[in-house]
PDB file of all heavy atoms in Angstrom:
ATOM      1  N   ASP A   1      94.355 103.332  99.811  1.00  0.00           N
ATOM      2  CA  ASP A   1      93.273 102.484  99.404  1.00  0.00           C
ATOM      3  C   ASP A   1      93.937 101.265  98.761  1.00  0.00           C
ATOM      4  O   ASP A   1      95.065 101.262  98.298  1.00  0.00           O
ATOM      5  CB  ASP A   1      92.490 103.216  98.281  1.00  0.00           C
ATOM      6  CG  ASP A   1      91.122 102.400  98.013  1.00  0.00           C
ATOM      7  OD1 ASP A   1      90.713 101.611  98.697  1.00  0.00           O
ATOM      8  OD2 ASP A   1      90.481 102.990  96.985  1.00  0.00           O
ATOM      9  N   TYR A   2      93.113 100.117  98.816  1.00  0.00           N
ATOM     10  CA  TYR A   2      93.609  98.892  98.425  1.00  0.00           C
ATOM     11  C   TYR A   2      92.526  98.154  97.621  1.00  0.00           C
ATOM     12  O   TYR A   2      91.250  98.306  97.765  1.00  0.00           O
ATOM     13  CB  TYR A   2      94.062  97.964  99.569  1.00  0.00           C
ATOM     14  CG  TYR A   2      95.022  98.578 100.394  1.00  0.00           C
ATOM     15  CD1 TYR A   2      94.782  99.268 101.553  1.00  0.00           C
ATOM     16  CD2 TYR A   2      96.441  98.273 100.132  1.00  0.00           C
ATOM     17  CE1 TYR A   2      95.733  99.837 102.348  1.00  0.00           C
ATOM     18  CE2 TYR A   2      97.332  98.793 100.997  1.00  0.00           C
ATOM     19  CZ  TYR A   2      97.096  99.572 102.040  1.00  0.00           C
ATOM     20  OH  TYR A   2      98.067 100.188 102.825  1.00  0.00           O
ATOM     21  N   ALA A   3      92.954  97.230  96.597  1.00  0.00           N
ATOM     22  CA  ALA A   3      92.106  96.358  96.018  1.00  0.00           C
ATOM     23  C   ALA A   3      91.509  95.319  97.079  1.00  0.00           C
ATOM     24  O   ALA A   3      92.317  95.068  97.959  1.00  0.00           O
ATOM     25  CB  ALA A   3      92.724  95.618  94.963  1.00  0.00           C
ATOM     26  N   ASP A   4      90.338  94.909  96.833  1.00  0.00           N
ATOM     27  CA  ASP A   4      89.736  93.958  97.780  1.00  0.00           C
ATOM     28  C   ASP A   4      90.653  92.759  97.989  1.00  0.00           C
ATOM     29  O   ASP A   4      90.571  92.165  99.058  1.00  0.00           O
ATOM     30  CB  ASP A   4      88.244  93.671  97.319  1.00  0.00           C
ATOM     31  CG  ASP A   4      87.373  94.734  97.452  1.00  0.00           C
ATOM     32  OD1 ASP A   4      87.711  95.736  98.242  1.00  0.00           O
ATOM     33  OD2 ASP A   4      86.314  94.791  96.838  1.00  0.00           O
ATOM     34  N   SER A   5      91.092  92.378  96.865  1.00  0.00           N
ATOM     35  CA  SER A   5      91.965  91.191  96.960  1.00  0.00           C
ATOM     36  C   SER A   5      93.214  91.182  97.777  1.00  0.00           C
ATOM     37  O   SER A   5      93.678  90.077  98.127  1.00  0.00           O
ATOM     38  CB  SER A   5      92.375  90.789  95.403  1.00  0.00           C
ATOM     39  OG  SER A   5      93.127  91.846  94.901  1.00  0.00           O
ATOM     40  N   VAL A   6      93.681  92.335  98.203  1.00  0.00           N
ATOM     41  CA  VAL A   6      94.765  92.468  98.960  1.00  0.00           C
ATOM     42  C   VAL A   6      94.581  93.094 100.278  1.00  0.00           C
ATOM     43  O   VAL A   6      95.453  93.114 100.974  1.00  0.00           O
ATOM     44  CB  VAL A   6      95.955  93.145  98.224  1.00  0.00           C
ATOM     45  CG1 VAL A   6      96.117  92.598  96.841  1.00  0.00           C
ATOM     46  CG2 VAL A   6      95.571  94.725  98.017  1.00  0.00           C
ATOM     47  N   LYS A   7      93.456  93.526 100.605  1.00  0.00           N
ATOM     48  CA  LYS A   7      93.136  94.155 101.821  1.00  0.00           C
ATOM     49  C   LYS A   7      93.267  93.272 102.897  1.00  0.00           C
ATOM     50  O   LYS A   7      92.979  92.049 102.994  1.00  0.00           O
ATOM     51  CB  LYS A   7      91.621  94.627 101.866  1.00  0.00           C
ATOM     52  CG  LYS A   7      91.362  95.944 101.144  1.00  0.00           C
ATOM     53  CD  LYS A   7      89.913  96.329 101.271  1.00  0.00           C
ATOM     54  CE  LYS A   7      89.631  97.633 100.469  1.00  0.00           C
ATOM     55  NZ  LYS A   7      88.260  98.102 100.517  1.00  0.00           N
ATOM     56  N   GLY A   8      94.032  93.720 103.982  1.00  0.00           N
ATOM     57  CA  GLY A   8      94.498  93.023 105.160  1.00  0.00           C
ATOM     58  C   GLY A   8      95.671  92.189 104.979  1.00  0.00           C
ATOM     59  O   GLY A   8      96.341  91.746 105.936  1.00  0.00           O
ATOM     60  N   ARG A   9      96.238  92.122 103.805  1.00  0.00           N
ATOM     61  CA  ARG A   9      97.463  91.303 103.533  1.00  0.00           C
ATOM     62  C   ARG A   9      98.742  92.353 103.065  1.00  0.00           C
ATOM     63  O   ARG A   9      99.824  92.096 103.384  1.00  0.00           O
ATOM     64  CB  ARG A   9      97.292  90.349 102.399  1.00  0.00           C
ATOM     65  CG  ARG A   9      96.279  89.184 102.880  1.00  0.00           C
ATOM     66  CD  ARG A   9      96.208  88.106 101.814  1.00  0.00           C
ATOM     67  NE  ARG A   9      95.952  88.530 100.510  1.00  0.00           N
ATOM     68  CZ  ARG A   9      96.734  88.362  99.351  1.00  0.00           C
ATOM     69  NH1 ARG A   9      97.936  87.844  99.567  1.00  0.00           N
ATOM     70  NH2 ARG A   9      96.301  88.754  98.220  1.00  0.00           N
ATOM     71  N   PHE A  10      98.189  93.355 102.324  1.00  0.00           N
ATOM     72  CA  PHE A  10      99.265  94.268 101.764  1.00  0.00           C
ATOM     73  C   PHE A  10      99.106  95.659 102.473  1.00  0.00           C
ATOM     74  O   PHE A  10      98.055  96.180 102.796  1.00  0.00           O
ATOM     75  CB  PHE A  10      99.009  94.407 100.247  1.00  0.00           C
ATOM     76  CG  PHE A  10      99.253  93.269  99.391  1.00  0.00           C
ATOM     77  CD1 PHE A  10      99.499  92.119  99.846  1.00  0.00           C
ATOM     78  CD2 PHE A  10      99.375  93.432  98.028  1.00  0.00           C
ATOM     79  CE1 PHE A  10      99.936  90.950  99.146  1.00  0.00           C
ATOM     80  CE2 PHE A  10      99.718  92.341  97.185  1.00  0.00           C
ATOM     81  CZ  PHE A  10      99.993  91.032  97.695  1.00  0.00           C
ATOM     82  N   THR A  11     100.296  96.321 102.517  1.00  0.00           N
ATOM     83  CA  THR A  11     100.320  97.570 103.116  1.00  0.00           C
ATOM     84  C   THR A  11     101.263  98.620 102.341  1.00  0.00           C
ATOM     85  O   THR A  11     102.460  98.178 102.065  1.00  0.00           O
ATOM     86  CB  THR A  11     100.866  97.591 104.628  1.00  0.00           C
ATOM     87  OG1 THR A  11     100.043  96.699 105.370  1.00  0.00           O
ATOM     88  CG2 THR A  11     100.868  99.080 105.111  1.00  0.00           C
ATOM     89  N   ILE A  12     100.685  99.662 101.870  1.00  0.00           N
ATOM     90  CA  ILE A  12     101.465 100.590 101.176  1.00  0.00           C
ATOM     91  C   ILE A  12     101.980 101.751 102.122  1.00  0.00           C
ATOM     92  O   ILE A  12     101.127 102.184 102.981  1.00  0.00           O
ATOM     93  CB  ILE A  12     100.720 101.165  99.948  1.00  0.00           C
ATOM     94  CG1 ILE A  12     101.600 102.101  99.038  1.00  0.00           C
ATOM     95  CG2 ILE A  12      99.439 101.988 100.494  1.00  0.00           C
ATOM     96  CD1 ILE A  12     100.981 102.613  97.645  1.00  0.00           C
ATOM     97  N   SER A  13     103.178 102.157 101.948  1.00  0.00           N
ATOM     98  CA  SER A  13     103.610 103.253 102.769  1.00  0.00           C
ATOM     99  C   SER A  13     104.758 104.043 101.998  1.00  0.00           C
ATOM    100  O   SER A  13     105.079 103.698 100.917  1.00  0.00           O
ATOM    101  CB  SER A  13     104.338 102.688 104.109  1.00  0.00           C
ATOM    102  OG  SER A  13     105.479 101.857 103.664  1.00  0.00           O
ATOM    103  N   ARG A  14     105.204 105.231 102.546  1.00  0.00           N
ATOM    104  CA  ARG A  14     106.034 105.974 101.870  1.00  0.00           C
ATOM    105  C   ARG A  14     107.035 106.679 102.711  1.00  0.00           C
ATOM    106  O   ARG A  14     106.587 107.000 104.020  1.00  0.00           O
ATOM    107  CB  ARG A  14     105.381 107.059 100.952  1.00  0.00           C
ATOM    108  CG  ARG A  14     104.600 108.122 101.623  1.00  0.00           C
ATOM    109  CD  ARG A  14     103.728 108.871 100.650  1.00  0.00           C
ATOM    110  NE  ARG A  14     104.550 109.784  99.799  1.00  0.00           N
ATOM    111  CZ  ARG A  14     104.191 110.035  98.623  1.00  0.00           C
ATOM    112  NH1 ARG A  14     102.932 109.798  98.174  1.00  0.00           N
ATOM    113  NH2 ARG A  14     104.988 110.752  97.775  1.00  0.00           N
ATOM    114  N   ASP A  15     108.213 106.950 102.296  1.00  0.00           N
ATOM    115  CA  ASP A  15     109.225 107.643 103.187  1.00  0.00           C
ATOM    116  C   ASP A  15     109.659 108.827 102.245  1.00  0.00           C
ATOM    117  O   ASP A  15     110.442 108.654 101.321  1.00  0.00           O
ATOM    118  CB  ASP A  15     110.413 106.868 103.432  1.00  0.00           C
ATOM    119  CG  ASP A  15     111.399 107.518 104.363  1.00  0.00           C
ATOM    120  OD1 ASP A  15     111.335 108.732 104.453  1.00  0.00           O
ATOM    121  OD2 ASP A  15     112.119 106.815 105.037  1.00  0.00           O
ATOM    122  N   ASN A  16     109.053 110.009 102.452  1.00  0.00           N
ATOM    123  CA  ASN A  16     109.446 111.109 101.664  1.00  0.00           C
ATOM    124  C   ASN A  16     110.815 111.723 101.569  1.00  0.00           C
ATOM    125  O   ASN A  16     111.384 112.273 100.715  1.00  0.00           O
ATOM    126  CB  ASN A  16     108.340 112.290 101.840  1.00  0.00           C
ATOM    127  CG  ASN A  16     106.929 112.055 101.304  1.00  0.00           C
ATOM    128  OD1 ASN A  16     106.787 111.159 100.524  1.00  0.00           O
ATOM    129  ND2 ASN A  16     106.020 112.698 101.840  1.00  0.00           N
ATOM    130  N   ALA A  17     111.425 111.424 102.729  1.00  0.00           N
ATOM    131  CA  ALA A  17     112.836 111.803 102.951  1.00  0.00           C
ATOM    132  C   ALA A  17     113.726 110.885 102.055  1.00  0.00           C
ATOM    133  O   ALA A  17     114.812 111.439 101.640  1.00  0.00           O
ATOM    134  CB  ALA A  17     113.267 111.557 104.388  1.00  0.00           C
ATOM    135  N   LYS A  18     113.175 109.743 101.737  1.00  0.00           N
ATOM    136  CA  LYS A  18     114.042 108.908 100.893  1.00  0.00           C
ATOM    137  C   LYS A  18     113.452 108.736  99.516  1.00  0.00           C
ATOM    138  O   LYS A  18     113.981 107.996  98.768  1.00  0.00           O
ATOM    139  CB  LYS A  18     114.131 107.351 101.527  1.00  0.00           C
ATOM    140  CG  LYS A  18     114.877 107.460 102.883  1.00  0.00           C
ATOM    141  CD  LYS A  18     114.904 105.925 103.384  1.00  0.00           C
ATOM    142  CE  LYS A  18     115.544 105.957 104.746  1.00  0.00           C
ATOM    143  NZ  LYS A  18     115.700 104.422 105.150  1.00  0.00           N
ATOM    144  N   ASN A  19     112.479 109.522  99.202  1.00  0.00           N
ATOM    145  CA  ASN A  19     111.727 109.408  97.927  1.00  0.00           C
ATOM    146  C   ASN A  19     111.383 107.994  97.474  1.00  0.00           C
ATOM    147  O   ASN A  19     111.704 107.554  96.337  1.00  0.00           O
ATOM    148  CB  ASN A  19     112.662 110.029  96.833  1.00  0.00           C
ATOM    149  CG  ASN A  19     112.473 111.636  96.735  1.00  0.00           C
ATOM    150  OD1 ASN A  19     112.044 112.111  97.776  1.00  0.00           O
ATOM    151  ND2 ASN A  19     113.149 112.318  95.768  1.00  0.00           N
ATOM    152  N   THR A  20     110.860 107.337  98.455  1.00  0.00           N
ATOM    153  CA  THR A  20     110.554 105.850  98.256  1.00  0.00           C
ATOM    154  C   THR A  20     109.208 105.477  98.644  1.00  0.00           C
ATOM    155  O   THR A  20     108.849 105.930  99.804  1.00  0.00           O
ATOM    156  CB  THR A  20     111.662 105.083  98.920  1.00  0.00           C
ATOM    157  OG1 THR A  20     112.978 105.322  98.348  1.00  0.00           O
ATOM    158  CG2 THR A  20     111.310 103.449  98.649  1.00  0.00           C
ATOM    159  N   VAL A  21     108.547 104.636  97.856  1.00  0.00           N
ATOM    160  CA  VAL A  21     107.233 104.086  98.294  1.00  0.00           C
ATOM    161  C   VAL A  21     107.457 102.541  98.513  1.00  0.00           C
ATOM    162  O   VAL A  21     108.205 101.972  97.599  1.00  0.00           O
ATOM    163  CB  VAL A  21     106.262 104.531  97.431  1.00  0.00           C
ATOM    164  CG1 VAL A  21     106.347 103.933  95.945  1.00  0.00           C
ATOM    165  CG2 VAL A  21     104.809 104.032  97.903  1.00  0.00           C
ATOM    166  N   TYR A  22     106.795 102.025  99.355  1.00  0.00           N
ATOM    167  CA  TYR A  22     106.864 100.660  99.695  1.00  0.00           C
ATOM    168  C   TYR A  22     105.616  99.858  99.564  1.00  0.00           C
ATOM    169  O   TYR A  22     104.485 100.455  99.644  1.00  0.00           O
ATOM    170  CB  TYR A  22     107.441 100.316 101.090  1.00  0.00           C
ATOM    171  CG  TYR A  22     108.720 101.136 101.361  1.00  0.00           C
ATOM    172  CD1 TYR A  22     108.736 102.306 102.094  1.00  0.00           C
ATOM    173  CD2 TYR A  22     109.896 100.489 101.059  1.00  0.00           C
ATOM    174  CE1 TYR A  22     109.818 103.065 102.383  1.00  0.00           C
ATOM    175  CE2 TYR A  22     111.068 101.298 101.294  1.00  0.00           C
ATOM    176  CZ  TYR A  22     111.031 102.363 101.935  1.00  0.00           C
ATOM    177  OH  TYR A  22     112.301 103.158 102.219  1.00  0.00           O
ATOM    178  N   LEU A  23     105.652  98.485  99.286  1.00  0.00           N
ATOM    179  CA  LEU A  23     104.461  97.712  99.269  1.00  0.00           C
ATOM    180  C   LEU A  23     104.952  96.461 100.100  1.00  0.00           C
ATOM    181  O   LEU A  23     105.626  95.634  99.590  1.00  0.00           O
ATOM    182  CB  LEU A  23     104.040  97.386  97.946  1.00  0.00           C
ATOM    183  CG  LEU A  23     102.784  96.340  97.885  1.00  0.00           C
ATOM    184  CD1 LEU A  23     101.580  97.297  98.354  1.00  0.00           C
ATOM    185  CD2 LEU A  23     102.478  95.948  96.538  1.00  0.00           C
ATOM    186  N   GLN A  24     104.278  96.332 101.303  1.00  0.00           N
ATOM    187  CA  GLN A  24     104.605  95.196 102.258  1.00  0.00           C
ATOM    188  C   GLN A  24     103.525  94.208 101.912  1.00  0.00           C
ATOM    189  O   GLN A  24     102.390  94.532 101.960  1.00  0.00           O
ATOM    190  CB  GLN A  24     104.502  95.600 103.657  1.00  0.00           C
ATOM    191  CG  GLN A  24     104.752  94.482 104.549  1.00  0.00           C
ATOM    192  CD  GLN A  24     106.116  93.794 104.568  1.00  0.00           C
ATOM    193  OE1 GLN A  24     107.119  94.504 104.537  1.00  0.00           O
ATOM    194  NE2 GLN A  24     106.197  92.426 104.529  1.00  0.00           N
ATOM    195  N   MET A  25     104.044  92.916 101.377  1.00  0.00           N
ATOM    196  CA  MET A  25     102.974  91.890 100.974  1.00  0.00           C
ATOM    197  C   MET A  25     103.194  90.742 101.953  1.00  0.00           C
ATOM    198  O   MET A  25     104.324  90.201 102.013  1.00  0.00           O
ATOM    199  CB  MET A  25     103.385  91.541  99.530  1.00  0.00           C
ATOM    200  CG  MET A  25     103.210  92.700  98.591  1.00  0.00           C
ATOM    201  SD  MET A  25     103.390  92.248  96.866  1.00  0.00           S
ATOM    202  CE  MET A  25     105.098  91.538  96.945  1.00  0.00           C
ATOM    203  N   ASN A  26     102.194  90.385 102.653  1.00  0.00           N
ATOM    204  CA  ASN A  26     102.270  89.329 103.566  1.00  0.00           C
ATOM    205  C   ASN A  26     101.214  88.238 103.104  1.00  0.00           C
ATOM    206  O   ASN A  26     100.346  88.565 102.252  1.00  0.00           O
ATOM    207  CB  ASN A  26     101.753  89.748 104.962  1.00  0.00           C
ATOM    208  CG  ASN A  26     102.841  90.813 105.572  1.00  0.00           C
ATOM    209  OD1 ASN A  26     103.923  90.677 105.314  1.00  0.00           O
ATOM    210  ND2 ASN A  26     102.247  91.642 106.348  1.00  0.00           N
ATOM    211  N   SER A  27     101.288  87.048 103.606  1.00  0.00           N
ATOM    212  CA  SER A  27     100.426  85.987 103.385  1.00  0.00           C
ATOM    213  C   SER A  27     100.252  85.776 101.875  1.00  0.00           C
ATOM    214  O   SER A  27      99.045  85.698 101.322  1.00  0.00           O
ATOM    215  CB  SER A  27      99.058  86.138 103.983  1.00  0.00           C
ATOM    216  OG  SER A  27      99.258  86.254 105.427  1.00  0.00           O
ATOM    217  N   LEU A  28     101.294  85.733 101.148  1.00  0.00           N
ATOM    218  CA  LEU A  28     101.226  85.772  99.645  1.00  0.00           C
ATOM    219  C   LEU A  28     100.579  84.396  99.150  1.00  0.00           C
ATOM    220  O   LEU A  28     100.721  83.457  99.767  1.00  0.00           O
ATOM    221  CB  LEU A  28     102.589  86.037  99.104  1.00  0.00           C
ATOM    222  CG  LEU A  28     103.096  87.392  99.025  1.00  0.00           C
ATOM    223  CD1 LEU A  28     104.678  87.422  98.913  1.00  0.00           C
ATOM    224  CD2 LEU A  28     102.497  88.253  98.139  1.00  0.00           C
ATOM    225  N   LYS A  29      99.745  84.611  98.007  1.00  0.00           N
ATOM    226  CA  LYS A  29      99.102  83.515  97.455  1.00  0.00           C
ATOM    227  C   LYS A  29      99.526  83.375  96.002  1.00  0.00           C
ATOM    228  O   LYS A  29     100.000  84.303  95.319  1.00  0.00           O
ATOM    229  CB  LYS A  29      97.577  83.911  97.352  1.00  0.00           C
ATOM    230  CG  LYS A  29      96.917  84.181  98.710  1.00  0.00           C
ATOM    231  CD  LYS A  29      95.568  84.571  98.671  1.00  0.00           C
ATOM    232  CE  LYS A  29      94.906  84.840 100.022  1.00  0.00           C
ATOM    233  NZ  LYS A  29      93.506  85.314  99.905  1.00  0.00           N
ATOM    234  N   PRO A  30      99.357  82.276  95.360  1.00  0.00           N
ATOM    235  CA  PRO A  30      99.778  82.000  93.995  1.00  0.00           C
ATOM    236  C   PRO A  30      99.086  83.123  93.011  1.00  0.00           C
ATOM    237  O   PRO A  30      99.654  83.486  92.010  1.00  0.00           O
ATOM    238  CB  PRO A  30      99.234  80.648  93.669  1.00  0.00           C
ATOM    239  CG  PRO A  30      99.217  79.893  94.869  1.00  0.00           C
ATOM    240  CD  PRO A  30      98.886  81.011  95.988  1.00  0.00           C
ATOM    241  N   GLU A  31      97.863  83.487  93.339  1.00  0.00           N
ATOM    242  CA  GLU A  31      97.293  84.532  92.535  1.00  0.00           C
ATOM    243  C   GLU A  31      97.735  85.895  92.696  1.00  0.00           C
ATOM    244  O   GLU A  31      97.396  86.882  91.898  1.00  0.00           O
ATOM    245  CB  GLU A  31      95.723  84.542  92.780  1.00  0.00           C
ATOM    246  CG  GLU A  31      95.339  84.736  94.394  1.00  0.00           C
ATOM    247  CD  GLU A  31      95.117  83.347  94.948  1.00  0.00           C
ATOM    248  OE1 GLU A  31      95.772  82.397  94.629  1.00  0.00           O
ATOM    249  OE2 GLU A  31      94.006  83.357  95.776  1.00  0.00           O
ATOM    250  N   ASP A  32      98.789  86.171  93.511  1.00  0.00           N
ATOM    251  CA  ASP A  32      99.604  87.419  93.539  1.00  0.00           C
ATOM    252  C   ASP A  32     100.633  87.440  92.640  1.00  0.00           C
ATOM    253  O   ASP A  32     101.276  88.489  92.430  1.00  0.00           O
ATOM    254  CB  ASP A  32     100.035  87.634  94.988  1.00  0.00           C
ATOM    255  CG  ASP A  32      98.969  87.727  96.084  1.00  0.00           C
ATOM    256  OD1 ASP A  32      97.936  88.534  95.820  1.00  0.00           O
ATOM    257  OD2 ASP A  32      99.095  87.155  97.161  1.00  0.00           O
ATOM    258  N   THR A  33     100.940  86.298  91.873  1.00  0.00           N
ATOM    259  CA  THR A  33     101.962  86.305  90.978  1.00  0.00           C
ATOM    260  C   THR A  33     101.669  87.296  89.905  1.00  0.00           C
ATOM    261  O   THR A  33     100.693  87.203  89.158  1.00  0.00           O
ATOM    262  CB  THR A  33     102.065  84.895  90.346  1.00  0.00           C
ATOM    263  OG1 THR A  33     102.539  83.934  91.439  1.00  0.00           O
ATOM    264  CG2 THR A  33     103.040  84.778  89.264  1.00  0.00           C
ATOM    265  N   ALA A  34     102.615  88.217  89.636  1.00  0.00           N
ATOM    266  CA  ALA A  34     102.493  89.209  88.571  1.00  0.00           C
ATOM    267  C   ALA A  34     103.777  90.039  88.458  1.00  0.00           C
ATOM    268  O   ALA A  34     104.606  89.971  89.401  1.00  0.00           O
ATOM    269  CB  ALA A  34     101.188  90.086  88.903  1.00  0.00           C
ATOM    270  N   VAL A  35     103.758  90.925  87.445  1.00  0.00           N
ATOM    271  CA  VAL A  35     104.791  91.898  87.547  1.00  0.00           C
ATOM    272  C   VAL A  35     104.161  93.226  88.320  1.00  0.00           C
ATOM    273  O   VAL A  35     102.937  93.620  87.785  1.00  0.00           O
ATOM    274  CB  VAL A  35     105.121  92.300  86.024  1.00  0.00           C
ATOM    275  CG1 VAL A  35     106.208  93.592  86.181  1.00  0.00           C
ATOM    276  CG2 VAL A  35     105.757  91.185  85.314  1.00  0.00           C
ATOM    277  N   TYR A  36     104.782  93.711  89.268  1.00  0.00           N
ATOM    278  CA  TYR A  36     104.323  94.854  89.973  1.00  0.00           C
ATOM    279  C   TYR A  36     104.945  96.061  89.498  1.00  0.00           C
ATOM    280  O   TYR A  36     106.211  96.270  89.428  1.00  0.00           O
ATOM    281  CB  TYR A  36     104.612  94.485  91.462  1.00  0.00           C
ATOM    282  CG  TYR A  36     103.703  93.517  92.067  1.00  0.00           C
ATOM    283  CD1 TYR A  36     103.700  92.207  91.705  1.00  0.00           C
ATOM    284  CD2 TYR A  36     102.639  93.970  93.042  1.00  0.00           C
ATOM    285  CE1 TYR A  36     102.790  91.308  92.215  1.00  0.00           C
ATOM    286  CE2 TYR A  36     101.786  92.991  93.432  1.00  0.00           C
ATOM    287  CZ  TYR A  36     101.890  91.643  93.143  1.00  0.00           C
ATOM    288  OH  TYR A  36     100.959  90.765  93.634  1.00  0.00           O
ATOM    289  N   TYR A  37     104.102  97.191  89.291  1.00  0.00           N
ATOM    290  CA  TYR A  37     104.574  98.401  88.860  1.00  0.00           C
ATOM    291  C   TYR A  37     104.259  99.451  89.895  1.00  0.00           C
ATOM    292  O   TYR A  37     103.122  99.503  90.385  1.00  0.00           O
ATOM    293  CB  TYR A  37     103.907  98.775  87.483  1.00  0.00           C
ATOM    294  CG  TYR A  37     104.221  97.777  86.400  1.00  0.00           C
ATOM    295  CD1 TYR A  37     103.435  96.723  86.153  1.00  0.00           C
ATOM    296  CD2 TYR A  37     105.186  97.974  85.582  1.00  0.00           C
ATOM    297  CE1 TYR A  37     103.530  95.828  85.094  1.00  0.00           C
ATOM    298  CE2 TYR A  37     105.451  97.099  84.578  1.00  0.00           C
ATOM    299  CZ  TYR A  37     104.581  95.973  84.277  1.00  0.00           C
ATOM    300  OH  TYR A  37     104.800  95.153  83.204  1.00  0.00           O
TER     301      TYR A  37
END
């Protein structure tokens, strides 16, 4: 699921073998500026 503001631009995925989750962020905008947790 995604916030409306990032739908179509951001993709979340996970690799359970590596215990890692990713956030691919494309077409970044100034309003995406933030600390990401």
